[in-house]
PDB file of all heavy atoms in Angstrom:
ATOM      1  N   VAL A   1       8.525  -7.415   8.967  1.00  0.00           N
ATOM      2  CA  VAL A   1       9.212  -8.092   7.860  1.00  0.00           C
ATOM      3  C   VAL A   1       9.098  -9.609   8.005  1.00  0.00           C
ATOM      4  O   VAL A   1       8.840 -10.327   7.026  1.00  0.00           O
ATOM      5  CB  VAL A   1      10.686  -7.642   7.789  1.00  0.00           C
ATOM      6  CG1 VAL A   1      11.452  -8.470   6.765  1.00  0.00           C
ATOM      7  CG2 VAL A   1      10.770  -6.154   7.436  1.00  0.00           C
ATOM      8  N   GLU A   2       9.269 -10.112   9.212  1.00  0.00           N
ATOM      9  CA  GLU A   2       9.157 -11.560   9.434  1.00  0.00           C
ATOM     10  C   GLU A   2       7.742 -12.076   9.166  1.00  0.00           C
ATOM     11  O   GLU A   2       7.554 -13.230   8.791  1.00  0.00           O
ATOM     12  CB  GLU A   2       9.574 -11.904  10.866  1.00  0.00           C
ATOM     13  CG  GLU A   2      11.081 -11.768  11.092  1.00  0.00           C
ATOM     14  CD  GLU A   2      11.488 -12.024  12.534  1.00  0.00           C
ATOM     15  OE1 GLU A   2      10.586 -12.096  13.415  1.00  0.00           O
ATOM     16  OE2 GLU A   2      12.705 -12.143  12.793  1.00  0.00           O
ATOM     17  N   ALA A   3       6.756 -11.205   9.328  1.00  0.00           N
ATOM     18  CA  ALA A   3       5.375 -11.602   9.055  1.00  0.00           C
ATOM     19  C   ALA A   3       5.047 -11.566   7.565  1.00  0.00           C
ATOM     20  O   ALA A   3       3.986 -12.040   7.147  1.00  0.00           O
ATOM     21  CB  ALA A   3       4.412 -10.692   9.811  1.00  0.00           C
ATOM     22  N   GLY A   4       5.959 -10.992   6.774  1.00  0.00           N
ATOM     23  CA  GLY A   4       5.736 -10.925   5.330  1.00  0.00           C
ATOM     24  C   GLY A   4       5.207  -9.589   4.856  1.00  0.00           C
ATOM     25  O   GLY A   4       4.681  -9.488   3.745  1.00  0.00           O
ATOM     26  N   CYS A   5       5.355  -8.548   5.686  1.00  0.00           N
ATOM     27  CA  CYS A   5       4.911  -7.204   5.312  1.00  0.00           C
ATOM     28  C   CYS A   5       6.033  -6.432   4.622  1.00  0.00           C
ATOM     29  O   CYS A   5       7.204  -6.763   4.770  1.00  0.00           O
ATOM     30  CB  CYS A   5       4.485  -6.414   6.550  1.00  0.00           C
ATOM     31  SG  CYS A   5       3.251  -7.197   7.597  1.00  0.00           S
ATOM     32  N   VAL A   6       5.673  -5.393   3.925  1.00  0.00           N
ATOM     33  CA  VAL A   6       6.626  -4.402   3.444  1.00  0.00           C
ATOM     34  C   VAL A   6       6.636  -3.270   4.464  1.00  0.00           C
ATOM     35  O   VAL A   6       5.577  -2.735   4.808  1.00  0.00           O
ATOM     36  CB  VAL A   6       6.215  -3.854   2.062  1.00  0.00           C
ATOM     37  CG1 VAL A   6       7.090  -2.665   1.680  1.00  0.00           C
ATOM     38  CG2 VAL A   6       6.305  -4.949   1.009  1.00  0.00           C
ATOM     39  N   PHE A   7       7.812  -2.907   4.966  1.00  0.00           N
ATOM     40  CA  PHE A   7       7.938  -1.807   5.920  1.00  0.00           C
ATOM     41  C   PHE A   7       8.583  -0.650   5.183  1.00  0.00           C
ATOM     42  O   PHE A   7       9.749  -0.710   4.795  1.00  0.00           O
ATOM     43  CB  PHE A   7       8.777  -2.233   7.126  1.00  0.00           C
ATOM     44  CG  PHE A   7       8.844  -1.196   8.208  1.00  0.00           C
ATOM     45  CD1 PHE A   7       7.696  -0.747   8.834  1.00  0.00           C
ATOM     46  CD2 PHE A   7      10.065  -0.671   8.602  1.00  0.00           C
ATOM     47  CE1 PHE A   7       7.760   0.220   9.833  1.00  0.00           C
ATOM     48  CE2 PHE A   7      10.148   0.290   9.601  1.00  0.00           C
ATOM     49  CZ  PHE A   7       8.987   0.731  10.216  1.00  0.00           C
ATOM     50  N   SER A   8       7.804   0.420   4.975  1.00  0.00           N
ATOM     51  CA  SER A   8       8.199   1.483   4.058  1.00  0.00           C
ATOM     52  C   SER A   8       8.739   2.722   4.754  1.00  0.00           C
ATOM     53  O   SER A   8       8.465   2.971   5.925  1.00  0.00           O
ATOM     54  CB  SER A   8       6.977   1.880   3.220  1.00  0.00           C
ATOM     55  OG  SER A   8       7.193   3.099   2.544  1.00  0.00           O
ATOM     56  N   THR A   9       9.449   3.532   3.980  1.00  0.00           N
ATOM     57  CA  THR A   9       9.788   4.884   4.407  1.00  0.00           C
ATOM     58  C   THR A   9       8.502   5.677   4.606  1.00  0.00           C
ATOM     59  O   THR A   9       7.485   5.370   3.980  1.00  0.00           O
ATOM     60  CB  THR A   9      10.668   5.565   3.336  1.00  0.00           C
ATOM     61  OG1 THR A   9      11.065   6.851   3.793  1.00  0.00           O
ATOM     62  CG2 THR A   9       9.901   5.762   2.039  1.00  0.00           C
ATOM     63  N   PRO A  10       8.513   6.708   5.469  1.00  0.00           N
ATOM     64  CA  PRO A  10       7.313   7.534   5.622  1.00  0.00           C
ATOM     65  C   PRO A  10       6.931   8.213   4.309  1.00  0.00           C
ATOM     66  O   PRO A  10       7.760   8.868   3.673  1.00  0.00           O
ATOM     67  CB  PRO A  10       7.740   8.582   6.657  1.00  0.00           C
ATOM     68  CG  PRO A  10       8.872   7.952   7.400  1.00  0.00           C
ATOM     69  CD  PRO A  10       9.587   7.115   6.394  1.00  0.00           C
ATOM     70  N   THR A  11       5.698   8.057   3.903  1.00  0.00           N
ATOM     71  CA  THR A  11       5.170   8.696   2.696  1.00  0.00           C
ATOM     72  C   THR A  11       3.670   8.513   2.665  1.00  0.00           C
ATOM     73  O   THR A  11       3.148   7.568   3.256  1.00  0.00           O
ATOM     74  CB  THR A  11       5.790   8.102   1.416  1.00  0.00           C
ATOM     75  OG1 THR A  11       5.171   8.693   0.270  1.00  0.00           O
ATOM     76  CG2 THR A  11       5.580   6.606   1.330  1.00  0.00           C
ATOM     77  N   CYS A  12       2.981   9.420   1.970  1.00  0.00           N
ATOM     78  CA  CYS A  12       1.538   9.254   1.790  1.00  0.00           C
ATOM     79  C   CYS A  12       1.257   8.070   0.869  1.00  0.00           C
ATOM     80  O   CYS A  12       0.218   7.418   0.993  1.00  0.00           O
ATOM     81  CB  CYS A  12       0.926  10.526   1.215  1.00  0.00           C
ATOM     82  SG  CYS A  12       1.038  11.938   2.326  1.00  0.00           S
ATOM     83  N   GLY A  13       2.162   7.830  -0.077  1.00  0.00           N
ATOM     84  CA  GLY A  13       2.123   6.629  -0.910  1.00  0.00           C
ATOM     85  C   GLY A  13       0.772   6.279  -1.499  1.00  0.00           C
ATOM     86  O   GLY A  13       0.190   7.037  -2.263  1.00  0.00           O
ATOM     87  N   PRO A  14       0.239   5.105  -1.134  1.00  0.00           N
ATOM     88  CA  PRO A  14      -0.974   4.611  -1.774  1.00  0.00           C
ATOM     89  C   PRO A  14      -2.262   5.283  -1.317  1.00  0.00           C
ATOM     90  O   PRO A  14      -3.288   5.141  -1.964  1.00  0.00           O
ATOM     91  CB  PRO A  14      -0.988   3.138  -1.374  1.00  0.00           C
ATOM     92  CG  PRO A  14      -0.312   3.110  -0.047  1.00  0.00           C
ATOM     93  CD  PRO A  14       0.767   4.150  -0.154  1.00  0.00           C
ATOM     94  N   CYS A  15      -2.219   6.037  -0.207  1.00  0.00           N
ATOM     95  CA  CYS A  15      -3.451   6.605   0.358  1.00  0.00           C
ATOM     96  C   CYS A  15      -4.248   7.372  -0.690  1.00  0.00           C
ATOM     97  O   CYS A  15      -5.468   7.253  -0.764  1.00  0.00           O
ATOM     98  CB  CYS A  15      -3.123   7.505   1.549  1.00  0.00           C
ATOM     99  SG  CYS A  15      -4.544   8.377   2.216  1.00  0.00           S
ATOM    100  N   LEU A  16      -3.547   8.164  -1.499  1.00  0.00           N
ATOM    101  CA  LEU A  16      -4.206   8.973  -2.520  1.00  0.00           C
ATOM    102  C   LEU A  16      -3.994   8.393  -3.918  1.00  0.00           C
ATOM    103  O   LEU A  16      -4.149   9.092  -4.917  1.00  0.00           O
ATOM    104  CB  LEU A  16      -3.671  10.407  -2.476  1.00  0.00           C
ATOM    105  CG  LEU A  16      -2.229  10.615  -2.950  1.00  0.00           C
ATOM    106  CD1 LEU A  16      -2.028  12.049  -3.411  1.00  0.00           C
ATOM    107  CD2 LEU A  16      -1.220  10.232  -1.910  1.00  0.00           C
ATOM    108  N   GLY A  17      -3.642   7.103  -3.989  1.00  0.00           N
ATOM    109  CA  GLY A  17      -3.342   6.516  -5.284  1.00  0.00           C
ATOM    110  C   GLY A  17      -2.056   7.061  -5.847  1.00  0.00           C
ATOM    111  O   GLY A  17      -1.902   7.204  -7.062  1.00  0.00           O
ATOM    112  N   GLY A  18      -1.112   7.395  -4.970  1.00  0.00           N
ATOM    113  CA  GLY A  18       0.140   8.020  -5.389  1.00  0.00           C
ATOM    114  C   GLY A  18       1.155   7.030  -5.926  1.00  0.00           C
ATOM    115  O   GLY A  18       1.465   7.005  -7.109  1.00  0.00           O
ATOM    116  N   HIS A  19       1.666   6.176  -5.052  1.00  0.00           N
ATOM    117  CA  HIS A  19       2.653   5.172  -5.456  1.00  0.00           C
ATOM    118  C   HIS A  19       2.819   4.171  -4.315  1.00  0.00           C
ATOM    119  O   HIS A  19       2.210   4.299  -3.257  1.00  0.00           O
ATOM    120  CB  HIS A  19       3.994   5.821  -5.826  1.00  0.00           C
ATOM    121  CG  HIS A  19       4.675   6.559  -4.705  1.00  0.00           C
ATOM    122  ND1 HIS A  19       6.035   6.563  -4.521  1.00  0.00           N
ATOM    123  CD2 HIS A  19       4.188   7.338  -3.700  1.00  0.00           C
ATOM    124  CE1 HIS A  19       6.364   7.306  -3.480  1.00  0.00           C
ATOM    125  NE2 HIS A  19       5.252   7.783  -2.952  1.00  0.00           N
ATOM    126  N   MET A  20       3.624   3.152  -4.550  1.00  0.00           N
ATOM    127  CA  MET A  20       3.975   2.158  -3.536  1.00  0.00           C
ATOM    128  C   MET A  20       2.754   1.429  -2.952  1.00  0.00           C
ATOM    129  O   MET A  20       2.640   1.262  -1.748  1.00  0.00           O
ATOM    130  CB  MET A  20       4.810   2.810  -2.421  1.00  0.00           C
ATOM    131  CG  MET A  20       6.131   3.367  -2.909  1.00  0.00           C
ATOM    132  SD  MET A  20       7.089   4.205  -1.633  1.00  0.00           S
ATOM    133  CE  MET A  20       7.612   2.811  -0.645  1.00  0.00           C
ATOM    134  N   GLY A  21       1.861   1.013  -3.827  1.00  0.00           N
ATOM    135  CA  GLY A  21       0.714   0.256  -3.350  1.00  0.00           C
ATOM    136  C   GLY A  21      -0.569   0.516  -4.122  1.00  0.00           C
ATOM    137  O   GLY A  21      -1.670   0.419  -3.574  1.00  0.00           O
ATOM    138  N   ILE A  22      -0.449   0.829  -5.395  1.00  0.00           N
ATOM    139  CA  ILE A  22      -1.614   1.135  -6.226  1.00  0.00           C
ATOM    140  C   ILE A  22      -2.396  -0.145  -6.518  1.00  0.00           C
ATOM    141  O   ILE A  22      -1.827  -1.212  -6.756  1.00  0.00           O
ATOM    142  CB  ILE A  22      -1.161   1.779  -7.559  1.00  0.00           C
ATOM    143  CG1 ILE A  22      -0.300   3.003  -7.288  1.00  0.00           C
ATOM    144  CG2 ILE A  22      -2.369   2.153  -8.413  1.00  0.00           C
ATOM    145  CD1 ILE A  22      -0.944   4.037  -6.430  1.00  0.00           C
ATOM    146  N   LEU A  23      -3.714  -0.024  -6.533  1.00  0.00           N
ATOM    147  CA  LEU A  23      -4.581  -1.174  -6.794  1.00  0.00           C
ATOM    148  C   LEU A  23      -4.898  -1.319  -8.281  1.00  0.00           C
ATOM    149  O   LEU A  23      -5.117  -0.325  -8.977  1.00  0.00           O
ATOM    150  CB  LEU A  23      -5.892  -1.032  -6.019  1.00  0.00           C
ATOM    151  CG  LEU A  23      -5.799  -0.991  -4.492  1.00  0.00           C
ATOM    152  CD1 LEU A  23      -7.182  -0.784  -3.887  1.00  0.00           C
ATOM    153  CD2 LEU A  23      -5.170  -2.277  -3.956  1.00  0.00           C
ATOM    154  N   ALA A  24      -4.951  -2.552  -8.733  1.00  0.00           N
ATOM    155  CA  ALA A  24      -5.345  -2.860 -10.103  1.00  0.00           C
ATOM    156  C   ALA A  24      -6.867  -3.040 -10.187  1.00  0.00           C
ATOM    157  O   ALA A  24      -7.565  -3.078  -9.162  1.00  0.00           O
ATOM    158  CB  ALA A  24      -4.647  -4.141 -10.573  1.00  0.00           C
ATOM    159  N   LYS A  25      -7.372  -3.163 -11.365  1.00  0.00           N
ATOM    160  CA  LYS A  25      -8.802  -3.368 -11.589  1.00  0.00           C
ATOM    161  C   LYS A  25      -9.285  -4.607 -10.838  1.00  0.00           C
ATOM    162  O   LYS A  25      -8.663  -5.666 -10.892  1.00  0.00           O
ATOM    163  CB  LYS A  25      -9.069  -3.538 -13.085  1.00  0.00           C
ATOM    164  CG  LYS A  25     -10.537  -3.756 -13.430  1.00  0.00           C
ATOM    165  CD  LYS A  25     -10.717  -3.871 -14.935  1.00  0.00           C
ATOM    166  CE  LYS A  25     -12.179  -4.113 -15.297  1.00  0.00           C
ATOM    167  NZ  LYS A  25     -12.369  -4.199 -16.767  1.00  0.00           N
ATOM    168  N   GLY A  26     -10.357  -4.450 -10.102  1.00  0.00           N
ATOM    169  CA  GLY A  26     -10.966  -5.578  -9.404  1.00  0.00           C
ATOM    170  C   GLY A  26     -10.330  -5.914  -8.068  1.00  0.00           C
ATOM    171  O   GLY A  26     -10.829  -6.783  -7.351  1.00  0.00           O
ATOM    172  N   GLU A  27      -9.235  -5.235  -7.698  1.00  0.00           N
ATOM    173  CA  GLU A  27      -8.579  -5.545  -6.422  1.00  0.00           C
ATOM    174  C   GLU A  27      -9.274  -4.838  -5.262  1.00  0.00           C
ATOM    175  O   GLU A  27      -9.931  -3.813  -5.425  1.00  0.00           O
ATOM    176  CB  GLU A  27      -7.099  -5.166  -6.470  1.00  0.00           C
ATOM    177  CG  GLU A  27      -6.282  -6.102  -7.346  1.00  0.00           C
ATOM    178  CD  GLU A  27      -4.797  -5.933  -7.119  1.00  0.00           C
ATOM    179  OE1 GLU A  27      -4.305  -4.787  -7.099  1.00  0.00           O
ATOM    180  OE2 GLU A  27      -4.101  -6.971  -6.980  1.00  0.00           O
ATOM    181  N   ARG A  28      -9.056  -5.398  -4.077  1.00  0.00           N
ATOM    182  CA  ARG A  28      -9.736  -4.922  -2.868  1.00  0.00           C
ATOM    183  C   ARG A  28      -8.695  -4.723  -1.768  1.00  0.00           C
ATOM    184  O   ARG A  28      -7.881  -5.600  -1.509  1.00  0.00           O
ATOM    185  CB  ARG A  28     -10.769  -5.954  -2.451  1.00  0.00           C
ATOM    186  CG  ARG A  28     -11.620  -5.579  -1.262  1.00  0.00           C
ATOM    187  CD  ARG A  28     -12.588  -6.710  -0.961  1.00  0.00           C
ATOM    188  NE  ARG A  28     -13.659  -6.776  -1.940  1.00  0.00           N
ATOM    189  CZ  ARG A  28     -14.254  -7.908  -2.325  1.00  0.00           C
ATOM    190  NH1 ARG A  28     -13.850  -9.062  -1.834  1.00  0.00           N
ATOM    191  NH2 ARG A  28     -15.230  -7.875  -3.189  1.00  0.00           N
ATOM    192  N   ALA A  29      -8.755  -3.552  -1.118  1.00  0.00           N
ATOM    193  CA  ALA A  29      -7.815  -3.248  -0.040  1.00  0.00           C
ATOM    194  C   ALA A  29      -8.561  -2.847   1.227  1.00  0.00           C
ATOM    195  O   ALA A  29      -9.626  -2.238   1.179  1.00  0.00           O
ATOM    196  CB  ALA A  29      -6.872  -2.119  -0.449  1.00  0.00           C
ATOM    197  N   LEU A  30      -7.966  -3.197   2.350  1.00  0.00           N
ATOM    198  CA  LEU A  30      -8.394  -2.685   3.652  1.00  0.00           C
ATOM    199  C   LEU A  30      -7.284  -1.760   4.121  1.00  0.00           C
ATOM    200  O   LEU A  30      -6.114  -2.157   4.140  1.00  0.00           O
ATOM    201  CB  LEU A  30      -8.589  -3.832   4.645  1.00  0.00           C
ATOM    202  CG  LEU A  30      -8.996  -3.418   6.068  1.00  0.00           C
ATOM    203  CD1 LEU A  30     -10.392  -2.804   6.072  1.00  0.00           C
ATOM    204  CD2 LEU A  30      -8.942  -4.621   7.006  1.00  0.00           C
ATOM    205  N   ALA A  31      -7.628  -0.528   4.488  1.00  0.00           N
ATOM    206  CA  ALA A  31      -6.606   0.472   4.802  1.00  0.00           C
ATOM    207  C   ALA A  31      -6.971   1.264   6.044  1.00  0.00           C
ATOM    208  O   ALA A  31      -8.149   1.480   6.334  1.00  0.00           O
ATOM    209  CB  ALA A  31      -6.413   1.422   3.620  1.00  0.00           C
ATOM    210  N   THR A  32      -5.945   1.709   6.756  1.00  0.00           N
ATOM    211  CA  THR A  32      -6.155   2.572   7.926  1.00  0.00           C
ATOM    212  C   THR A  32      -6.129   4.040   7.518  1.00  0.00           C
ATOM    213  O   THR A  32      -5.960   4.918   8.358  1.00  0.00           O
ATOM    214  CB  THR A  32      -5.086   2.315   9.002  1.00  0.00           C
ATOM    215  OG1 THR A  32      -3.809   2.727   8.495  1.00  0.00           O
ATOM    216  CG2 THR A  32      -5.036   0.855   9.397  1.00  0.00           C
TER     217      THR A  32
END
């Protein structure tokens, strides 16, 4: 949090384009 991150509840979330981190057109993400 102090570094400026969002620390979330456990969830698959954005991994499958679900929620809590969806990308817009032209955006670029690096993911684990």
